[in-house]
Protein backbone atom coordinates (compact mmCIF):
# COMPACT_ATOMS: atom_id res chain seq x y z
CA MET A 1 40.13 6.92 9.84
CA ARG A 2 38.89 3.63 9.20
CA PRO A 3 36.90 1.58 6.57
CA GLY A 4 33.01 0.81 6.61
CA SER A 5 30.93 -2.10 5.83
CA GLY A 6 33.46 -3.26 2.81
CA THR A 7 30.61 -2.11 0.30
CA GLY A 8 32.41 0.28 -1.73
CA SER A 9 30.94 3.35 0.31
CA GLU A 10 33.51 3.31 3.21
CA THR A 11 33.32 6.19 5.80
CA GLN A 12 36.29 7.84 6.97
CA VAL A 13 36.36 8.64 10.27
CA ALA A 14 38.81 10.61 12.56
CA LYS A 15 40.50 9.32 15.45
CA LYS A 16 41.48 11.15 18.45
CA THR A 17 45.59 10.96 19.09
CA VAL A 18 47.93 11.66 22.07
CA ARG A 19 47.85 15.42 20.59
CA ASP A 20 44.00 15.21 22.14
CA VAL A 21 44.67 14.08 25.80
CA ASP A 22 46.88 15.84 28.61
CA VAL A 23 49.51 13.04 29.31
CA ARG A 24 51.64 15.18 31.97
CA GLY A 25 52.17 12.91 35.19
CA ARG A 26 49.65 10.29 33.64
CA ARG A 27 50.50 6.51 33.68
CA VAL A 28 50.05 5.91 29.76
CA LEU A 29 49.81 2.11 28.58
CA VAL A 30 51.08 2.02 24.80
CA ARG A 31 50.51 -0.73 22.82
CA VAL A 32 53.44 -1.35 20.41
CA ASP A 33 54.17 -3.76 18.12
CA PHE A 34 57.84 -4.78 18.70
CA ASN A 35 57.64 -8.16 17.32
CA VAL A 36 60.96 -8.00 15.98
CA PRO A 37 63.25 -10.42 14.59
CA LEU A 38 66.22 -11.50 17.32
CA ASP A 39 69.34 -12.97 16.53
CA GLN A 40 71.60 -14.27 19.26
CA GLY A 41 70.35 -11.92 22.03
CA ARG A 42 69.91 -9.18 19.95
CA VAL A 43 67.55 -7.30 17.80
CA ALA A 44 68.25 -8.04 14.18
CA ASP A 45 66.10 -5.69 12.24
CA ASP A 46 64.88 -2.56 14.91
CA THR A 47 62.58 -0.88 12.02
CA ARG A 48 59.56 -1.39 14.05
CA ILE A 49 60.98 -0.04 17.38
CA ARG A 50 61.88 3.14 15.41
CA ALA A 51 58.50 3.47 14.18
CA ALA A 52 57.12 3.69 17.64
CA LEU A 53 59.77 6.28 18.48
CA PRO A 54 57.72 9.26 17.66
CA THR A 55 55.04 8.65 19.90
CA ILE A 56 57.26 7.54 22.46
CA ARG A 57 59.52 10.65 22.22
CA TYR A 58 56.23 12.91 22.48
CA LEU A 59 54.91 11.63 25.62
CA VAL A 60 58.55 11.61 27.61
CA GLU A 61 59.02 15.04 26.66
CA ARG A 62 55.40 15.87 27.94
CA GLY A 63 55.75 14.34 31.44
CA ALA A 64 53.82 10.87 30.70
CA ARG A 65 55.02 7.74 32.55
CA VAL A 66 55.20 5.50 29.99
CA ILE A 67 54.45 2.03 29.88
CA LEU A 68 54.74 -0.03 26.80
CA VAL A 69 53.48 -3.27 26.11
CA SER A 70 53.68 -5.67 23.33
CA HIS A 71 53.82 -9.14 22.18
CA LEU A 72 56.80 -11.10 20.22
CA GLY A 73 56.78 -14.07 18.41
CA ARG A 74 54.13 -16.93 19.19
CA PRO A 75 54.78 -18.60 22.50
CA LYS A 76 51.00 -19.92 22.64
CA GLY A 77 50.34 -18.81 26.27
CA LYS A 78 53.62 -20.11 27.78
CA VAL A 79 56.79 -18.15 28.99
CA GLU A 80 59.59 -19.32 26.33
CA ASP A 81 62.50 -17.45 26.84
CA ARG A 82 63.75 -17.10 23.49
CA TYR A 83 60.52 -14.81 23.23
CA ARG A 84 61.43 -12.40 26.26
CA LEU A 85 61.58 -8.61 25.27
CA ASP A 86 64.95 -8.30 27.08
CA PRO A 87 66.87 -7.55 23.84
CA VAL A 88 64.12 -4.97 22.89
CA ALA A 89 64.81 -2.96 26.19
CA ARG A 90 68.11 -2.86 25.10
CA ARG A 91 67.80 -1.71 21.76
CA LEU A 92 64.73 0.83 22.72
CA GLY A 93 67.04 2.17 25.55
CA GLU A 94 69.92 2.95 23.04
CA LEU A 95 67.60 4.84 20.30
CA LEU A 96 65.59 6.98 23.27
CA GLY A 97 68.97 7.60 24.90
CA ARG A 98 67.59 6.91 28.11
CA GLU A 99 67.20 3.57 30.61
CA VAL A 100 64.29 1.51 29.67
CA VAL A 101 63.52 -0.83 32.54
CA LYS A 102 61.93 -3.96 31.69
CA THR A 103 59.40 -6.14 34.19
CA ASP A 104 59.45 -10.00 33.99
CA ASP A 105 55.78 -10.24 33.50
CA CYS A 106 52.75 -7.86 32.10
CA VAL A 107 51.04 -8.15 35.21
CA GLY A 108 51.10 -9.07 39.05
CA PRO A 109 52.78 -7.50 42.11
CA GLU A 110 56.10 -6.73 40.38
CA VAL A 111 54.44 -4.95 37.90
CA GLU A 112 52.34 -2.85 39.87
CA ALA A 113 55.53 -1.59 41.95
CA ALA A 114 57.53 -1.01 39.04
CA VAL A 115 54.78 1.54 37.68
CA ALA A 116 54.35 3.25 41.12
CA ARG A 117 58.41 3.76 41.11
CA LEU A 118 57.66 5.64 37.70
CA ARG A 119 58.51 9.17 37.88
CA ASP A 120 57.37 11.42 34.77
CA GLY A 121 59.29 11.39 31.54
CA ASP A 122 60.02 7.13 32.94
CA VAL A 123 59.86 4.61 30.37
CA LEU A 124 58.91 0.88 31.49
CA LEU A 125 58.47 -2.32 29.00
CA LEU A 126 56.49 -5.03 30.14
CA GLU A 127 57.26 -8.95 29.53
CA ASN A 128 55.72 -10.27 26.33
CA VAL A 129 51.85 -9.84 26.89
CA ARG A 130 51.28 -13.37 24.46
CA PHE A 131 53.17 -14.98 27.78
CA HIS A 132 49.54 -15.12 29.22
CA PRO A 133 46.69 -17.07 27.14
CA GLU A 134 44.26 -14.46 28.02
CA GLU A 135 45.73 -12.11 26.02
CA GLU A 136 44.74 -13.60 22.49
CA LYS A 137 41.26 -14.56 24.05
CA ASN A 138 40.47 -11.01 25.14
CA ASP A 139 40.21 -12.33 28.58
CA GLU A 140 38.12 -9.14 30.47
CA GLY A 141 39.83 -9.54 33.68
CA PHE A 142 43.26 -9.55 32.14
CA ALA A 143 42.60 -6.74 30.25
CA ARG A 144 41.13 -4.96 33.28
CA LYS A 145 44.60 -6.08 35.36
CA LEU A 146 46.57 -4.40 32.40
CA ALA A 147 44.07 -1.23 32.50
CA SER A 148 44.29 -0.85 35.86
CA LEU A 149 48.42 0.26 35.29
CA ALA A 150 47.43 3.21 33.64
CA ASP A 151 45.00 6.62 33.36
CA ILE A 152 45.25 6.65 29.44
CA TYR A 153 45.62 3.92 26.71
CA VAL A 154 47.26 4.87 23.48
CA ASN A 155 47.34 1.75 20.67
CA ASP A 156 50.12 2.63 18.20
CA ALA A 157 50.53 -1.11 16.83
CA PHE A 158 48.79 -0.66 13.71
CA GLY A 159 50.41 -4.29 12.96
CA ALA A 160 48.08 -6.01 15.38
CA ALA A 161 44.86 -3.76 15.13
CA HIS A 162 43.19 -6.82 13.34
CA ARG A 163 43.61 -8.75 16.46
CA ALA A 164 40.78 -8.58 19.04
CA HIS A 165 43.21 -9.19 21.94
CA ALA A 166 43.26 -8.08 25.38
CA SER A 167 45.65 -5.54 24.86
CA THR A 168 44.33 -3.79 21.92
CA VAL A 169 40.70 -4.10 22.55
CA GLY A 170 39.98 -5.16 25.88
CA VAL A 171 41.82 -2.37 27.68
CA ALA A 172 40.00 -0.07 26.16
CA GLU A 173 36.96 -1.05 27.69
CA PHE A 174 38.51 0.43 30.81
CA LEU A 175 40.56 3.50 29.58
CA PRO A 176 40.13 6.39 27.57
CA ALA A 177 41.46 5.09 24.15
CA VAL A 178 43.23 7.30 21.70
CA ALA A 179 45.64 7.02 18.37
CA GLY A 180 49.46 7.10 18.36
CA PHE A 181 50.81 8.81 15.65
CA LEU A 182 52.23 5.83 13.67
CA MET A 183 48.66 4.07 13.85
CA GLU A 184 47.45 7.70 13.02
CA LYS A 185 49.66 7.74 9.78
CA GLU A 186 48.55 4.20 8.72
CA LEU A 187 44.92 4.87 8.64
CA ALA A 188 45.52 8.26 6.93
CA MET A 189 48.02 6.63 4.25
CA LEU A 190 45.67 3.40 3.57
CA GLY A 191 42.51 5.53 4.04
CA ARG A 192 43.51 7.62 0.78
CA LEU A 193 43.90 4.38 -0.94
CA LEU A 194 40.53 3.71 -0.09
CA ALA A 195 38.99 6.95 -0.43
CA ASP A 196 40.81 9.38 -2.50
CA PRO A 197 43.47 7.72 -4.52
CA GLU A 198 44.77 10.09 -7.38
CA PRO A 199 44.27 8.10 -10.71
CA PRO A 200 45.99 6.54 -12.24
CA PHE A 201 45.87 3.86 -9.30
CA VAL A 202 47.68 0.72 -9.78
CA ALA A 203 47.94 -2.15 -7.40
CA VAL A 204 50.44 -4.54 -7.37
CA LEU A 205 49.97 -7.98 -5.79
CA GLY A 206 52.44 -10.88 -4.99
CA GLY A 207 52.81 -13.47 -2.65
CA ALA A 208 52.15 -17.08 -2.51
CA LYS A 209 48.39 -17.66 -2.43
CA ILE A 210 45.36 -16.25 -4.12
CA SER A 211 43.27 -17.04 -1.17
CA ASP A 212 45.24 -14.54 0.80
CA LYS A 213 44.51 -11.52 -1.29
CA ILE A 214 40.81 -12.37 -2.67
CA GLY A 215 39.32 -9.50 -0.33
CA VAL A 216 41.89 -6.89 -1.54
CA ILE A 217 41.18 -7.73 -5.45
CA GLU A 218 37.50 -7.48 -4.86
CA ASN A 219 37.87 -3.92 -3.30
CA LEU A 220 40.38 -2.88 -5.08
CA LEU A 221 39.03 -3.61 -8.65
CA GLY A 222 36.57 -0.92 -8.02
CA ARG A 223 39.50 1.39 -7.62
CA VAL A 224 42.14 0.73 -9.70
CA GLN A 225 43.07 1.58 -13.01
CA ALA A 226 45.50 -1.38 -13.27
CA LEU A 227 46.23 -4.68 -11.28
CA LEU A 228 49.78 -6.30 -11.74
CA VAL A 229 49.86 -10.11 -10.32
CA GLY A 230 52.99 -11.83 -9.89
CA GLY A 231 54.32 -14.37 -7.07
CA GLY A 232 52.94 -17.84 -6.66
CA MET A 233 49.49 -16.36 -7.05
CA ALA A 234 50.17 -15.28 -10.57
CA ASN A 235 50.29 -19.26 -11.32
CA THR A 236 46.47 -19.76 -10.33
CA PHE A 237 45.56 -17.09 -12.81
CA LEU A 238 47.60 -18.59 -15.28
CA ARG A 239 45.96 -21.67 -14.99
CA ALA A 240 42.63 -19.99 -15.37
CA ARG A 241 43.43 -19.11 -18.51
CA GLY A 242 44.40 -22.49 -19.75
CA LEU A 243 48.30 -22.88 -19.12
CA ALA A 244 49.92 -25.92 -18.05
CA LEU A 245 52.85 -24.66 -15.15
CA GLY A 246 54.66 -27.67 -14.71
CA LYS A 247 55.28 -27.57 -10.85
CA SER A 248 54.72 -24.67 -10.32
CA LEU A 249 52.59 -23.47 -6.96
CA VAL A 250 49.01 -23.33 -8.29
CA GLU A 251 45.77 -23.46 -5.99
CA VAL A 252 43.84 -25.44 -8.09
CA ASP A 253 40.58 -24.98 -5.40
CA LYS A 254 40.55 -21.12 -6.49
CA VAL A 255 41.19 -21.53 -10.57
CA ASP A 256 37.46 -20.82 -10.81
CA LEU A 257 37.70 -17.65 -8.56
CA ALA A 258 40.55 -16.22 -10.40
CA ARG A 259 38.73 -16.86 -13.57
CA GLU A 260 35.99 -14.80 -12.34
CA LEU A 261 38.44 -12.01 -11.34
CA LEU A 262 39.90 -11.67 -14.58
CA ALA A 263 36.07 -11.37 -16.32
CA ARG A 264 35.30 -8.68 -13.37
CA ALA A 265 38.36 -7.02 -13.95
CA GLN A 266 37.28 -6.58 -17.53
CA GLU A 267 34.34 -5.90 -16.86
CA ARG A 268 35.23 -2.84 -15.02
CA GLY A 269 37.66 -1.88 -17.70
CA VAL A 270 40.77 -2.54 -15.30
CA GLU A 271 44.16 -3.60 -16.83
CA LEU A 272 45.16 -7.14 -15.26
CA LEU A 273 48.50 -7.81 -16.14
CA LEU A 274 49.84 -11.02 -15.76
CA PRO A 275 53.30 -12.68 -16.25
CA GLU A 276 54.30 -13.22 -19.77
CA ASP A 277 57.42 -14.76 -19.08
CA ALA A 278 58.94 -16.11 -15.67
CA VAL A 279 62.40 -17.47 -14.26
CA ALA A 280 61.80 -21.08 -13.69
CA ALA A 281 63.93 -24.03 -12.11
CA PRO A 282 63.71 -27.52 -11.46
CA ALA A 283 61.25 -28.58 -8.70
CA GLU A 284 63.24 -30.76 -7.03
CA ALA A 285 66.50 -28.85 -6.69
CA PRO A 286 66.01 -25.00 -7.72
CA ALA A 287 69.10 -24.11 -6.86
CA THR A 288 71.03 -26.34 -9.22
CA ASP A 289 69.77 -24.26 -12.36
CA ARG A 290 67.57 -21.71 -13.55
CA ARG A 291 65.61 -20.71 -16.82
CA GLU A 292 64.16 -17.68 -18.58
CA VAL A 293 60.99 -18.80 -20.13
CA PRO A 294 57.81 -18.09 -21.60
CA VAL A 295 54.86 -18.91 -19.33
CA THR A 296 53.38 -21.05 -22.28
CA GLU A 297 56.78 -23.06 -21.94
CA VAL A 298 57.35 -24.19 -18.33
CA PRO A 299 59.11 -27.41 -18.44
CA GLU A 300 57.14 -30.50 -16.77
CA GLU A 301 59.52 -31.02 -13.91
CA TRP A 302 60.09 -27.30 -13.26
CA MET A 303 58.50 -24.81 -11.35
CA ILE A 304 58.09 -20.71 -11.87
CA LEU A 305 59.99 -18.92 -9.09
CA ASP A 306 60.27 -15.27 -10.04
CA ILE A 307 58.66 -12.83 -12.92
CA GLY A 308 60.92 -12.72 -16.23
CA PRO A 309 62.85 -9.71 -17.40
CA ALA A 310 60.01 -9.02 -20.28
CA THR A 311 57.43 -9.07 -17.29
CA ALA A 312 59.41 -6.79 -14.89
CA ASP A 313 59.89 -4.30 -17.96
CA ARG A 314 56.30 -4.40 -18.47
CA PHE A 315 55.22 -3.98 -15.14
CA ALA A 316 57.86 -1.26 -14.57
CA VAL A 317 55.97 0.95 -17.37
CA ALA A 318 52.72 0.18 -15.50
CA VAL A 319 53.99 1.39 -12.38
CA LYS A 320 55.92 4.67 -13.34
CA THR A 321 52.94 6.08 -15.32
CA ALA A 322 51.28 5.90 -11.79
CA ARG A 323 50.08 8.52 -9.60
CA THR A 324 49.24 6.28 -6.82
CA VAL A 325 50.50 2.98 -6.15
CA PHE A 326 50.08 0.00 -3.60
CA TRP A 327 52.33 -3.07 -3.48
CA ASN A 328 51.83 -6.08 -1.33
CA GLY A 329 54.06 -9.62 -1.89
CA PRO A 330 57.06 -10.12 -3.47
CA MET A 331 57.06 -11.51 -7.42
CA GLY A 332 59.11 -14.42 -6.81
CA VAL A 333 61.31 -16.20 -4.28
CA PHE A 334 63.26 -13.52 -3.82
CA GLU A 335 65.00 -14.43 -0.68
CA MET A 336 66.71 -17.00 -2.48
CA ALA A 337 69.88 -15.98 -4.95
CA GLY A 338 68.98 -16.05 -8.40
CA PHE A 339 65.25 -15.20 -8.16
CA GLU A 340 65.08 -12.06 -6.93
CA ARG A 341 65.51 -9.61 -9.91
CA GLY A 342 62.05 -9.17 -10.54
CA THR A 343 60.98 -8.14 -7.09
CA GLU A 344 63.68 -5.57 -7.12
CA ALA A 345 62.70 -4.35 -10.30
CA VAL A 346 59.51 -3.65 -8.97
CA ALA A 347 60.73 -2.18 -6.21
CA ARG A 348 62.96 0.41 -8.38
CA ALA A 349 60.00 1.03 -10.26
CA VAL A 350 57.78 2.15 -7.46
CA ALA A 351 60.69 4.23 -6.28
CA ASP A 352 61.07 6.09 -9.72
CA SER A 353 57.65 6.63 -10.12
CA GLY A 354 57.21 9.69 -8.20
CA ALA A 355 53.70 8.11 -7.24
CA LEU A 356 52.41 8.43 -3.49
CA SER A 357 53.55 4.65 -2.80
CA VAL A 358 52.23 2.49 0.01
CA VAL A 359 54.42 -0.86 0.60
CA GLY A 360 52.97 -3.00 2.86
CA GLY A 361 53.99 -6.75 4.28
CA GLY A 362 57.14 -7.73 5.99
CA ASP A 363 58.54 -9.41 2.64
CA THR A 364 57.61 -6.70 0.98
CA VAL A 365 59.09 -3.89 3.08
CA ALA A 366 62.28 -6.26 3.57
CA ALA A 367 62.52 -5.99 -0.50
CA VAL A 368 62.46 -2.55 -0.92
CA GLU A 369 64.88 -1.97 2.01
CA ARG A 370 67.11 -4.83 0.53
CA ALA A 371 66.77 -2.80 -3.18
CA GLY A 372 68.13 0.31 -1.32
CA VAL A 373 65.13 2.42 -1.87
CA ALA A 374 62.87 2.70 1.38
CA ASP A 375 64.20 6.05 1.61
CA ARG A 376 61.63 7.07 -1.61
CA ILE A 377 58.51 5.04 -0.92
CA THR A 378 55.91 7.34 0.49
CA HIS A 379 54.81 4.96 3.35
CA LEU A 380 56.08 1.48 4.40
CA SER A 381 53.17 -0.12 6.33
CA THR A 382 53.88 -1.86 9.42
CA GLY A 383 51.31 -4.21 9.39
CA GLY A 384 51.21 -6.69 6.84
CA GLY A 385 47.98 -8.72 7.54
CA ALA A 386 46.16 -5.42 9.30
CA SER A 387 46.68 -3.53 6.01
CA LEU A 388 45.17 -6.18 4.07
CA GLU A 389 42.13 -6.41 6.31
CA PHE A 390 41.83 -2.62 6.07
CA LEU A 391 42.31 -2.29 2.11
CA GLU A 392 39.37 -5.15 2.02
CA GLY A 393 37.02 -2.69 3.47
CA ARG A 394 36.81 -4.37 6.74
CA ASP A 395 36.53 -2.78 10.03
CA LEU A 396 39.98 -3.36 12.49
CA PRO A 397 39.32 -4.03 16.08
CA GLY A 398 42.14 -2.06 17.44
CA VAL A 399 40.95 0.60 15.47
CA ALA A 400 37.41 0.51 15.92
CA VAL A 401 37.76 0.87 19.91
CA LEU A 402 39.51 3.88 19.76
CA GLN A 403 37.58 7.93 20.56
CA GLU A 404 36.48 9.26 17.72
CA GLY A 405 37.67 12.97 17.05
């Protein structure tokens, strides 16, 4: 499924998946999202690797010759040892309980020889595809080389589906292209938010900047009953209401837009909740002091770094009445001690709501896991930028090229 033009009349289009193709004895090129944090040569968080396991295991069990391709970090078209996928291969092998062979490149004679040695059920991981500048340029020749390694293409990297790269779009010009199980689940869950959300539908948006989420806000205003705004982006809305916020982050050039969105929400009967109190700290040295203050009384040299307890309670009440919840973006600088309580309160409220809940964005997913409630969220989206673009109503290049079911 995928959104259409973003005009409010999205069409849901089913995509073929790995279930729809015969993979036994076939070479299957699977685009995965193994862009994971590394720490001293080890995978620090294997969430994205685990998310790809159902597709990989399905292919292995059915005798496919599995060839995995991924990016890691931003090496900008050059080989950087710190972005090599060797630690990922080791961790994947541990999770699968079988050997995962890794090549030192993703195209070329060495890779072709490794693919030729594959037997049914084997798993091969190619080196970081972004070591080649042609990847991000969606170079046709490079895409053809990747495609020549396989008989079938599977995209299971929803987190990279908004990028028109060689490994997400280009290869689909040369191979039958279908979705993996993670891609299928992401499209199904996010598609429900656009096409058939059970009311009350409550969206919680946070993070630093309103500019990152303009399209999402505009597209959701016609669907949600309530929109809760926290994080740095809330400051721009508060400024639009005429408040002075000390040294708090404000996108001055977006204040008029925030004022317009507030008016539009009111016209549509959408309850748009903003912080009424905040946890503030000295702008120059936030770790030295902090204070809970009404948003109308932020000291001149201080800045807002979290929503306050009254706001957290108000947000929690709104979330707990919901039947559908979407949350993207923390409520404050949750990675700093003393400024994590607002985000954790929202995480608990979403988990306690009993609603169909979708949480997207790396920071937000991390916050949910840190709060210990990840197992009570319906769906943790692996795609931050991709999920936002989907909810804006945009076509994702890596989804559009997949065969329709």
